[in-house]
Protein backbone atom coordinates (compact mmCIF):
# COMPACT_ATOMS: atom_id res chain seq x y z
CA MET A 1 145.74 -12.02 -74.02
CA PRO A 2 143.35 -11.65 -71.07
CA VAL A 3 144.74 -11.04 -67.60
CA THR A 4 143.92 -13.74 -65.07
CA LEU A 5 142.85 -12.95 -61.51
CA VAL A 6 146.20 -14.23 -60.21
CA GLN A 7 148.06 -11.84 -62.53
CA ALA A 8 145.74 -8.98 -61.53
CA HIS A 9 146.42 -9.82 -57.85
CA ALA A 10 150.18 -9.66 -58.47
CA MET A 11 149.98 -6.40 -60.42
CA VAL A 12 147.80 -4.68 -57.83
CA MET A 13 150.09 -5.76 -54.98
CA ILE A 14 153.21 -4.61 -56.81
CA ILE A 15 151.66 -1.24 -57.61
CA ALA A 16 150.42 -0.84 -54.03
CA TRP A 17 153.63 -1.71 -52.20
CA MET A 18 156.50 -1.08 -54.59
CA ILE A 19 155.18 2.12 -56.13
CA PHE A 20 152.61 3.81 -53.87
CA GLY A 21 153.89 2.59 -50.50
CA SER A 22 157.56 3.27 -51.08
CA THR A 23 156.93 6.62 -52.80
CA GLY A 24 154.65 7.70 -49.95
CA ILE A 25 157.36 6.87 -47.43
CA LEU A 26 159.93 8.80 -49.48
CA PHE A 27 157.61 11.82 -49.55
CA ALA A 28 157.31 11.65 -45.77
CA ARG A 29 161.10 11.60 -45.44
CA TYR A 30 162.18 14.04 -48.15
CA GLY A 31 159.00 15.98 -49.00
CA ARG A 32 159.86 19.01 -46.91
CA THR A 33 163.25 19.45 -48.51
CA ILE A 34 162.32 19.18 -52.19
CA ARG A 35 160.90 22.09 -54.17
CA LEU A 36 157.40 21.58 -52.82
CA GLY A 37 158.59 22.44 -49.32
CA ASN A 38 156.34 23.49 -46.48
CA ARG A 39 155.26 26.84 -47.94
CA ARG A 40 152.95 25.64 -50.70
CA GLN A 41 149.53 24.61 -49.45
CA LEU A 42 146.90 22.31 -50.88
CA LEU A 43 143.58 22.10 -49.00
CA GLY A 44 145.13 23.66 -45.91
CA LYS A 45 148.12 21.32 -45.65
CA ALA A 46 151.58 21.25 -47.20
CA VAL A 47 151.63 19.78 -50.72
CA TRP A 48 154.23 17.15 -49.81
CA PHE A 49 152.01 15.98 -46.95
CA GLN A 50 148.93 15.73 -49.16
CA ILE A 51 150.87 13.63 -51.70
CA HIS A 52 152.21 11.45 -48.86
CA ARG A 53 148.73 10.97 -47.43
CA LEU A 54 147.19 10.18 -50.82
CA LEU A 55 149.81 7.56 -51.68
CA LEU A 56 149.65 5.89 -48.27
CA SER A 57 145.84 5.90 -48.38
CA LEU A 58 145.81 4.17 -51.76
CA THR A 59 148.24 1.48 -50.58
CA PRO A 60 145.85 -0.32 -48.18
CA LEU A 61 142.91 0.08 -50.56
CA LEU A 62 144.84 -1.54 -53.39
CA THR A 63 146.08 -4.23 -51.02
CA LEU A 64 142.52 -5.12 -50.08
CA LEU A 65 141.59 -5.16 -53.77
CA GLY A 66 144.43 -7.61 -54.43
CA PHE A 67 143.35 -9.71 -51.47
CA PHE A 68 139.77 -9.90 -52.76
CA LEU A 69 140.95 -10.71 -56.30
CA ILE A 70 142.75 -13.81 -55.08
CA LEU A 71 139.81 -14.77 -52.85
CA VAL A 72 137.51 -14.62 -55.87
CA ARG A 73 139.98 -16.71 -57.88
CA LYS A 74 140.12 -19.36 -55.16
CA GLY A 75 136.35 -19.29 -54.63
CA GLY A 76 136.77 -18.15 -51.01
CA GLN A 77 138.68 -21.32 -50.14
CA TRP A 78 141.91 -21.32 -48.15
CA VAL A 79 145.00 -23.11 -49.45
CA ASP A 80 144.66 -26.90 -49.35
CA LEU A 81 147.35 -28.02 -46.92
CA GLN A 82 147.48 -31.51 -48.44
CA VAL A 83 148.23 -30.31 -51.97
CA ALA A 84 149.97 -26.91 -51.71
CA ASP A 85 153.70 -26.44 -51.32
CA LEU A 86 155.22 -24.74 -48.26
CA ARG A 87 155.74 -21.43 -50.06
CA SER A 88 152.05 -21.17 -50.99
CA ILE A 89 151.00 -22.01 -47.44
CA ILE A 90 153.30 -19.37 -45.93
CA HIS A 91 152.24 -16.81 -48.55
CA SER A 92 148.56 -17.37 -47.76
CA ILE A 93 149.13 -17.13 -44.00
CA PHE A 94 151.03 -13.86 -44.30
CA GLY A 95 148.46 -12.58 -46.82
CA GLY A 96 145.64 -13.29 -44.37
CA ILE A 97 147.46 -11.57 -41.52
CA ILE A 98 148.27 -8.53 -43.64
CA GLY A 99 144.69 -8.42 -44.95
CA MET A 100 143.31 -8.35 -41.40
CA GLU A 101 145.80 -5.69 -40.31
CA ILE A 102 145.00 -3.48 -43.29
CA TYR A 103 141.27 -3.85 -42.67
CA ASP A 104 141.90 -2.79 -39.06
CA GLN A 105 144.00 0.17 -40.24
CA ILE A 106 141.25 1.36 -42.60
CA LEU A 107 138.69 1.17 -39.80
CA LYS A 108 140.98 3.28 -37.60
CA GLN A 109 141.47 5.83 -40.38
CA VAL A 110 137.75 6.40 -40.78
CA HIS A 111 137.24 6.32 -36.98
CA ILE A 112 134.83 3.39 -36.92
CA TYR A 113 136.12 2.34 -33.50
């Protein structure tokens, strides 16, 4: 059974936020105290910090991927306010806001402005 773009959007968002985002936050909180500790280094930084940074760098990239998947599915069109239910309208508004904020965050990470 082929995966639709809506299903791919949902899977990418779940992986981004429920797995990578939450695990990255847990590494920031508890990374120093688990076996990895501060002593082991990877590329000049503590291993826990590198894992934390990797996970929280993948989160916005996957979020943008999910955002673009649903835009492709909808043909670049916003939700039709006359036809859509309130939940879909609210979901699309929050999705647009989060998409813009993540795009801004990525630009700040690579020092574009």
